[in-house]
C-alpha atoms as a PDB file:
ATOM      1  CA  MET A   1     -18.291 108.048  55.670  1.00  0.00           C
ATOM      2  CA  ASP A   2     -20.044 104.374  56.368  1.00  0.00           C
ATOM      3  CA  ASN A   3     -22.981 103.363  53.801  1.00  0.00           C
ATOM      4  CA  GLN A   4     -25.205 103.392  57.350  1.00  0.00           C
ATOM      5  CA  LYS A   5     -23.973 106.786  58.355  1.00  0.00           C
ATOM      6  CA  LYS A   6     -25.251 108.303  54.887  1.00  0.00           C
ATOM      7  CA  VAL A   7     -28.574 106.297  55.136  1.00  0.00           C
ATOM      8  CA  LEU A   8     -29.242 108.463  58.300  1.00  0.00           C
ATOM      9  CA  ALA A   9     -28.145 111.891  57.067  1.00  0.00           C
ATOM     10  CA  LYS A  10     -30.049 110.895  54.049  1.00  0.00           C
ATOM     11  CA  GLU A  11     -33.166 109.900  56.053  1.00  0.00           C
ATOM     12  CA  ALA A  12     -32.579 113.291  58.212  1.00  0.00           C
ATOM     13  CA  LEU A  13     -32.088 115.514  55.151  1.00  0.00           C
ATOM     14  CA  GLN A  14     -35.545 113.868  54.111  1.00  0.00           C
ATOM     15  CA  ALA A  15     -37.320 114.869  57.576  1.00  0.00           C
ATOM     16  CA  LEU A  16     -35.610 118.550  57.347  1.00  0.00           C
ATOM     17  CA  ALA A  17     -36.957 118.554  54.134  1.00  0.00           C
ATOM     18  CA  GLU A  18     -40.858 117.767  54.855  1.00  0.00           C
ATOM     19  CA  ILE A  19     -40.741 119.281  58.124  1.00  0.00           C
ATOM     20  CA  GLU A  20     -39.487 122.446  55.936  1.00  0.00           C
ATOM     21  CA  SER A  21     -42.626 121.972  53.258  1.00  0.00           C
ATOM     22  CA  THR A  22     -45.216 121.302  55.936  1.00  0.00           C
ATOM     23  CA  THR A  23     -44.638 122.884  59.252  1.00  0.00           C
ATOM     24  CA  ASN A  24     -41.772 125.894  57.814  1.00  0.00           C
ATOM     25  CA  MET A  25     -38.827 125.752  60.357  1.00  0.00           C
ATOM     26  CA  GLU A  26     -39.657 129.199  61.481  1.00  0.00           C
ATOM     27  CA  ASN A  27     -42.966 128.232  63.152  1.00  0.00           C
ATOM     28  CA  LEU A  28     -41.335 125.379  65.516  1.00  0.00           C
ATOM     29  CA  VAL A  29     -39.324 128.335  67.322  1.00  0.00           C
ATOM     30  CA  LYS A  30     -40.398 129.961  69.831  1.00  0.00           C
ATOM     31  CA  ASP A  31     -38.568 132.267  71.778  1.00  0.00           C
ATOM     32  CA  ASN A  32     -35.411 131.147  70.511  1.00  0.00           C
ATOM     33  CA  LYS A  33     -36.461 127.678  71.467  1.00  0.00           C
ATOM     34  CA  ILE A  34     -37.132 124.223  69.540  1.00  0.00           C
ATOM     35  CA  GLU A  35     -39.268 121.794  71.910  1.00  0.00           C
ATOM     36  CA  PHE A  36     -39.807 118.618  70.500  1.00  0.00           C
ATOM     37  CA  VAL A  37     -40.694 114.442  71.733  1.00  0.00           C
ATOM     38  CA  VAL A  38     -39.250 111.460  71.662  1.00  0.00           C
ATOM     39  CA  ALA A  39     -40.795 108.616  72.820  1.00  0.00           C
ATOM     40  CA  ASP A  40     -43.360 110.146  75.123  1.00  0.00           C
ATOM     41  CA  LYS A  41     -40.920 112.295  76.763  1.00  0.00           C
ATOM     42  CA  THR A  42     -40.109 116.519  76.002  1.00  0.00           C
ATOM     43  CA  TYR A  43     -36.719 118.081  74.898  1.00  0.00           C
ATOM     44  CA  ARG A  44     -35.620 121.581  73.795  1.00  0.00           C
ATOM     45  CA  ILE A  45     -32.813 122.741  72.172  1.00  0.00           C
ATOM     46  CA  ARG A  46     -32.320 126.535  73.111  1.00  0.00           C
ATOM     47  CA  LYS A  47     -29.925 129.552  71.949  1.00  0.00           C
ATOM     48  CA  PRO A  48     -27.132 130.036  74.314  1.00  0.00           C
ATOM     49  CA  SER A  49     -27.248 132.666  77.079  1.00  0.00           C
ATOM     50  CA  PHE A  50     -24.061 135.256  76.560  1.00  0.00           C
ATOM     51  CA  VAL A  51     -22.237 133.165  79.440  1.00  0.00           C
ATOM     52  CA  GLU A  52     -22.065 129.731  77.973  1.00  0.00           C
ATOM     53  CA  ARG A  53     -21.579 131.502  74.242  1.00  0.00           C
ATOM     54  CA  GLN A  54     -18.602 132.439  75.759  1.00  0.00           C
ATOM     55  CA  ASN A  55     -17.931 128.991  77.657  1.00  0.00           C
ATOM     56  CA  ILE A  56     -18.425 127.523  74.045  1.00  0.00           C
ATOM     57  CA  ASP A  57     -15.661 130.236  72.326  1.00  0.00           C
ATOM     58  CA  THR A  58     -13.241 128.780  74.493  1.00  0.00           C
ATOM     59  CA  ILE A  59     -13.907 125.349  74.351  1.00  0.00           C
ATOM     60  CA  ARG A  60     -13.448 126.291  70.795  1.00  0.00           C
ATOM     61  CA  ARG A  61     -10.294 127.926  70.490  1.00  0.00           C
ATOM     62  CA  LYS A  62      -8.753 124.998  73.043  1.00  0.00           C
ATOM     63  CA  GLU A  63      -9.915 122.434  70.244  1.00  0.00           C
ATOM     64  CA  TYR A  64      -9.162 124.549  67.303  1.00  0.00           C
ATOM     65  CA  LEU A  65      -5.280 124.610  69.327  1.00  0.00           C
ATOM     66  CA  ARG A  66      -5.523 120.711  69.512  1.00  0.00           C
ATOM     67  CA  LEU A  67      -6.030 120.541  65.888  1.00  0.00           C
ATOM     68  CA  MET A  68      -3.491 122.960  65.098  1.00  0.00           C
ATOM     69  CA  ALA A  69      -0.201 121.269  66.704  1.00  0.00           C
ATOM     70  CA  ASP A  70      -1.638 117.871  65.958  1.00  0.00           C
ATOM     71  CA  GLU A  71       0.659 117.202  62.096  1.00  0.00           C
ATOM     72  CA  SER A  72      -1.958 114.844  60.948  1.00  0.00           C
ATOM     73  CA  TYR A  73      -4.548 117.393  60.510  1.00  0.00           C
ATOM     74  CA  PHE A  74      -4.556 119.253  57.346  1.00  0.00           C
ATOM     75  CA  PHE A  75      -6.288 123.079  56.528  1.00  0.00           C
ATOM     76  CA  ARG A  76      -9.232 122.659  53.744  1.00  0.00           C
ATOM     77  CA  LYS A  77      -7.168 124.396  51.257  1.00  0.00           C
ATOM     78  CA  THR A  78      -4.133 121.949  51.798  1.00  0.00           C
ATOM     79  CA  TRP A  79      -7.207 118.582  51.507  1.00  0.00           C
ATOM     80  CA  ILE A  80      -8.001 120.701  48.338  1.00  0.00           C
ATOM     81  CA  GLU A  81      -4.385 120.497  46.577  1.00  0.00           C
ATOM     82  CA  LYS A  82      -3.511 116.787  47.742  1.00  0.00           C
ATOM     83  CA  TYR A  83      -7.245 115.641  46.096  1.00  0.00           C
ATOM     84  CA  LEU A  84      -6.262 118.101  42.835  1.00  0.00           C
ATOM     85  CA  LYS A  85      -3.106 115.613  42.517  1.00  0.00           C
ATOM     86  CA  LYS A  86      -4.862 112.567  42.973  1.00  0.00           C
ATOM     87  CA  GLY A  87      -7.395 113.847  39.785  1.00  0.00           C
ATOM     88  CA  ILE A  88     -10.453 114.674  42.478  1.00  0.00           C
ATOM     89  CA  ASP A  89     -11.597 118.381  41.615  1.00  0.00           C
ATOM     90  CA  ILE A  90     -13.279 119.747  44.976  1.00  0.00           C
ATOM     91  CA  ASN A  91     -13.693 122.605  43.589  1.00  0.00           C
ATOM     92  CA  ALA A  92     -15.676 121.714  40.621  1.00  0.00           C
ATOM     93  CA  MET A  93     -17.835 119.612  42.847  1.00  0.00           C
ATOM     94  CA  GLU A  94     -18.663 122.167  44.940  1.00  0.00           C
ATOM     95  CA  SER A  95     -19.425 124.256  41.965  1.00  0.00           C
ATOM     96  CA  LYS A  96     -21.611 121.486  40.432  1.00  0.00           C
ATOM     97  CA  VAL A  97     -23.343 121.267  43.749  1.00  0.00           C
ATOM     98  CA  LYS A  98     -24.334 124.972  42.892  1.00  0.00           C
ATOM     99  CA  ALA A  99     -24.936 124.444  39.794  1.00  0.00           C
ATOM    100  CA  PHE A 100     -28.032 121.684  40.982  1.00  0.00           C
ATOM    101  CA  GLN A 101     -29.548 124.493  43.146  1.00  0.00           C
ATOM    102  CA  GLY A 102     -30.023 126.587  40.250  1.00  0.00           C
ATOM    103  CA  GLU A 103     -31.240 123.845  38.503  1.00  0.00           C
ATOM    104  CA  ILE A 104     -33.851 122.817  41.535  1.00  0.00           C
ATOM    105  CA  GLU A 105     -34.881 126.581  41.530  1.00  0.00           C
ATOM    106  CA  ALA A 106     -35.719 126.457  37.651  1.00  0.00           C
ATOM    107  CA  VAL A 107     -37.834 123.853  37.676  1.00  0.00           C
ATOM    108  CA  LEU A 108     -39.730 125.130  41.205  1.00  0.00           C
ATOM    109  CA  LEU A 109     -40.466 128.273  39.333  1.00  0.00           C
ATOM    110  CA  ARG A 110     -41.685 125.981  36.689  1.00  0.00           C
ATOM    111  CA  LEU A 111     -43.677 123.752  38.943  1.00  0.00           C
ATOM    112  CA  ALA A 112     -45.240 127.320  40.918  1.00  0.00           C
ATOM    113  CA  VAL A 113     -47.309 127.698  37.340  1.00  0.00           C
ATOM    114  CA  ALA A 114     -47.829 123.726  36.118  1.00  0.00           C
ATOM    115  CA  VAL A 115     -51.652 123.102  36.173  1.00  0.00           C
ATOM    116  CA  GLU A 116     -51.709 119.434  34.365  1.00  0.00           C
ATOM    117  CA  PRO A 117     -51.643 116.864  37.420  1.00  0.00           C
ATOM    118  CA  LYS A 118     -49.449 114.924  34.730  1.00  0.00           C
ATOM    119  CA  ASP A 119     -46.958 118.299  34.243  1.00  0.00           C
ATOM    120  CA  VAL A 120     -46.857 118.378  38.318  1.00  0.00           C
ATOM    121  CA  GLU A 121     -46.051 115.051  38.667  1.00  0.00           C
ATOM    122  CA  LEU A 122     -43.153 115.051  35.944  1.00  0.00           C
ATOM    123  CA  LEU A 123     -41.691 118.337  37.746  1.00  0.00           C
ATOM    124  CA  LYS A 124     -41.912 116.894  40.989  1.00  0.00           C
ATOM    125  CA  LYS A 125     -40.101 113.612  40.586  1.00  0.00           C
ATOM    126  CA  GLU A 126     -37.095 116.137  38.626  1.00  0.00           C
ATOM    127  CA  ILE A 127     -36.847 117.680  41.452  1.00  0.00           C
ATOM    128  CA  TYR A 128     -36.402 115.011  43.844  1.00  0.00           C
ATOM    129  CA  SER A 129     -33.997 113.335  41.377  1.00  0.00           C
ATOM    130  CA  LEU A 130     -32.208 116.820  41.280  1.00  0.00           C
ATOM    131  CA  ARG A 131     -32.065 116.793  45.528  1.00  0.00           C
ATOM    132  CA  ASP A 132     -30.549 113.042  45.350  1.00  0.00           C
ATOM    133  CA  ALA A 133     -27.934 113.993  42.764  1.00  0.00           C
ATOM    134  CA  GLN A 134     -27.194 117.265  44.867  1.00  0.00           C
ATOM    135  CA  PHE A 135     -27.688 115.954  48.050  1.00  0.00           C
ATOM    136  CA  SER A 136     -24.774 112.659  46.724  1.00  0.00           C
ATOM    137  CA  LEU A 137     -22.309 114.860  45.522  1.00  0.00           C
ATOM    138  CA  SER A 138     -22.576 117.026  48.274  1.00  0.00           C
ATOM    139  CA  MET A 139     -22.182 113.942  50.910  1.00  0.00           C
ATOM    140  CA  GLU A 140     -19.101 112.858  48.852  1.00  0.00           C
ATOM    141  CA  THR A 141     -17.120 116.087  49.123  1.00  0.00           C
ATOM    142  CA  THR A 142     -18.186 116.549  52.998  1.00  0.00           C
ATOM    143  CA  ASP A 143     -16.984 113.468  53.198  1.00  0.00           C
ATOM    144  CA  LEU A 144     -13.377 113.751  51.640  1.00  0.00           C
ATOM    145  CA  LEU A 145     -13.313 117.116  53.627  1.00  0.00           C
ATOM    146  CA  ALA A 146     -14.291 115.311  57.133  1.00  0.00           C
ATOM    147  CA  HIS A 147     -10.602 115.276  58.805  1.00  0.00           C
ATOM    148  CA  SER A 148     -10.320 119.198  57.880  1.00  0.00           C
ATOM    149  CA  ILE A 149      -9.408 121.170  60.484  1.00  0.00           C
ATOM    150  CA  GLU A 150     -12.368 123.682  59.793  1.00  0.00           C
ATOM    151  CA  ASN A 151     -14.797 120.558  59.234  1.00  0.00           C
ATOM    152  CA  GLN A 152     -13.518 119.024  62.878  1.00  0.00           C
ATOM    153  CA  LEU A 153     -13.825 122.285  64.202  1.00  0.00           C
ATOM    154  CA  LEU A 154     -17.247 122.682  62.844  1.00  0.00           C
ATOM    155  CA  VAL A 155     -18.206 118.784  63.863  1.00  0.00           C
ATOM    156  CA  PHE A 156     -16.783 120.009  67.673  1.00  0.00           C
ATOM    157  CA  THR A 157     -18.678 123.094  68.331  1.00  0.00           C
ATOM    158  CA  ASN A 158     -21.773 121.779  66.888  1.00  0.00           C
ATOM    159  CA  SER A 159     -21.799 118.728  69.371  1.00  0.00           C
ATOM    160  CA  TYR A 160     -20.547 120.748  71.946  1.00  0.00           C
ATOM    161  CA  THR A 161     -23.181 123.685  71.743  1.00  0.00           C
ATOM    162  CA  THR A 162     -25.856 120.717  71.477  1.00  0.00           C
ATOM    163  CA  PHE A 163     -24.348 119.671  75.052  1.00  0.00           C
ATOM    164  CA  VAL A 164     -24.782 122.894  76.191  1.00  0.00           C
ATOM    165  CA  VAL A 165     -28.452 123.864  75.188  1.00  0.00           C
ATOM    166  CA  LEU A 166     -29.933 120.530  75.200  1.00  0.00           C
ATOM    167  CA  GLU A 167     -32.743 119.495  77.479  1.00  0.00           C
ATOM    168  CA  GLN A 168     -35.534 117.601  79.304  1.00  0.00           C
ATOM    169  CA  LYS A 169     -38.780 118.834  80.737  1.00  0.00           C
ATOM    170  CA  VAL A 170     -39.341 117.214  84.102  1.00  0.00           C
ATOM    171  CA  GLY A 171     -42.570 118.420  85.799  1.00  0.00           C
ATOM    172  CA  GLU A 172     -42.766 121.911  84.916  1.00  0.00           C
ATOM    173  CA  ASP A 173     -38.792 122.682  85.142  1.00  0.00           C
ATOM    174  CA  TRP A 174     -36.424 122.426  82.071  1.00  0.00           C
ATOM    175  CA  ASN A 175     -32.830 119.969  83.625  1.00  0.00           C
ATOM    176  CA  LYS A 176     -30.054 119.502  81.208  1.00  0.00           C
ATOM    177  CA  LEU A 177     -30.179 116.831  79.719  1.00  0.00           C
ATOM    178  CA  PHE A 178     -26.733 115.767  80.307  1.00  0.00           C
ATOM    179  CA  GLU A 179     -23.858 116.801  83.078  1.00  0.00           C
ATOM    180  CA  SER A 180     -20.434 116.197  81.064  1.00  0.00           C
ATOM    181  CA  TYR A 181     -19.629 116.037  77.621  1.00  0.00           C
ATOM    182  CA  SER A 182     -18.407 112.964  77.932  1.00  0.00           C
ATOM    183  CA  ASP A 183     -21.546 111.441  78.214  1.00  0.00           C
ATOM    184  CA  PHE A 184     -23.168 113.259  75.973  1.00  0.00           C
ATOM    185  CA  MET A 185     -20.565 111.972  73.399  1.00  0.00           C
ATOM    186  CA  ALA A 186     -20.948 108.223  74.665  1.00  0.00           C
ATOM    187  CA  SER A 187     -24.772 108.238  74.091  1.00  0.00           C
ATOM    188  CA  ASP A 188     -26.234 107.782  71.386  1.00  0.00           C
ATOM    189  CA  SER A 189     -29.654 108.451  70.859  1.00  0.00           C
ATOM    190  CA  LYS A 190     -32.948 109.191  68.770  1.00  0.00           C
ATOM    191  CA  VAL A 191     -32.955 112.572  71.162  1.00  0.00           C
ATOM    192  CA  ILE A 192     -29.168 113.987  70.239  1.00  0.00           C
ATOM    193  CA  GLU A 193     -30.088 112.930  66.328  1.00  0.00           C
ATOM    194  CA  GLN A 194     -32.894 115.159  66.864  1.00  0.00           C
ATOM    195  CA  ALA A 195     -31.341 118.010  68.880  1.00  0.00           C
ATOM    196  CA  PHE A 196     -28.739 118.240  65.736  1.00  0.00           C
ATOM    197  CA  MET A 197     -31.340 118.377  63.324  1.00  0.00           C
ATOM    198  CA  TYR A 198     -32.199 121.489  64.570  1.00  0.00           C
ATOM    199  CA  ILE A 199     -29.139 123.245  65.976  1.00  0.00           C
ATOM    200  CA  ASN A 200     -28.298 124.579  62.757  1.00  0.00           C
ATOM    201  CA  TYR A 201     -31.219 126.216  62.181  1.00  0.00           C
ATOM    202  CA  LEU A 202     -31.440 127.587  66.248  1.00  0.00           C
ATOM    203  CA  VAL A 203     -28.236 128.886  67.020  1.00  0.00           C
ATOM    204  CA  TYR A 204     -27.180 129.966  63.110  1.00  0.00           C
ATOM    205  CA  ASN A 205     -29.220 130.730  61.334  1.00  0.00           C
ATOM    206  CA  HIS A 206     -30.597 133.216  63.576  1.00  0.00           C
ATOM    207  CA  ILE A 207     -34.467 132.262  63.179  1.00  0.00           C
ATOM    208  CA  GLY A 208     -36.604 133.265  66.164  1.00  0.00           C
ATOM    209  CA  GLU A 209     -35.177 136.466  67.130  1.00  0.00           C
ATOM    210  CA  GLY A 210     -37.992 138.691  68.693  1.00  0.00           C
ATOM    211  CA  LYS A 211     -40.485 135.799  69.289  1.00  0.00           C
END
């Protein structure tokens, strides 16, 4: 991942953290949909229907077979073994990412009972520092494993799912934003950035069921 993409990813993470702390992500989900506005136009992503999920699964399976047939792609396990021979221990890095989370949660508990403004600010700075370190290490491992079959398949599935469920409001109607997946992939817009930011919460975390 180049520096520009790292900056964009970090900005997205920070924006997401702000949303989580000020709005609560669950409150954004209404009837299994998330609406958002970009340049005064309203868009939404929604959970795919049963038929759409079947189609996504079919497309995902075809992409998996394509990756499997390509000798230049390896599974995550193989990449980890290759990196270890070069002195890079992915498993240790991922364990450290989890350890950072434990440290962050411990500081959050201290913050919850802190009363002195000076102590509160110091604890906040400590949390931000830990989060930055955790995120940097997580980004490094993600970058190292970016070409694994599992990662490529996940990115493809997320992208295709976003293409399927991304809609724009026109009058009182909701219309599919892109007619084809190739059009979707050729686009580079804030709308897609926003949609990517929300898709995992909506589709994979099952937030908003029954609302």
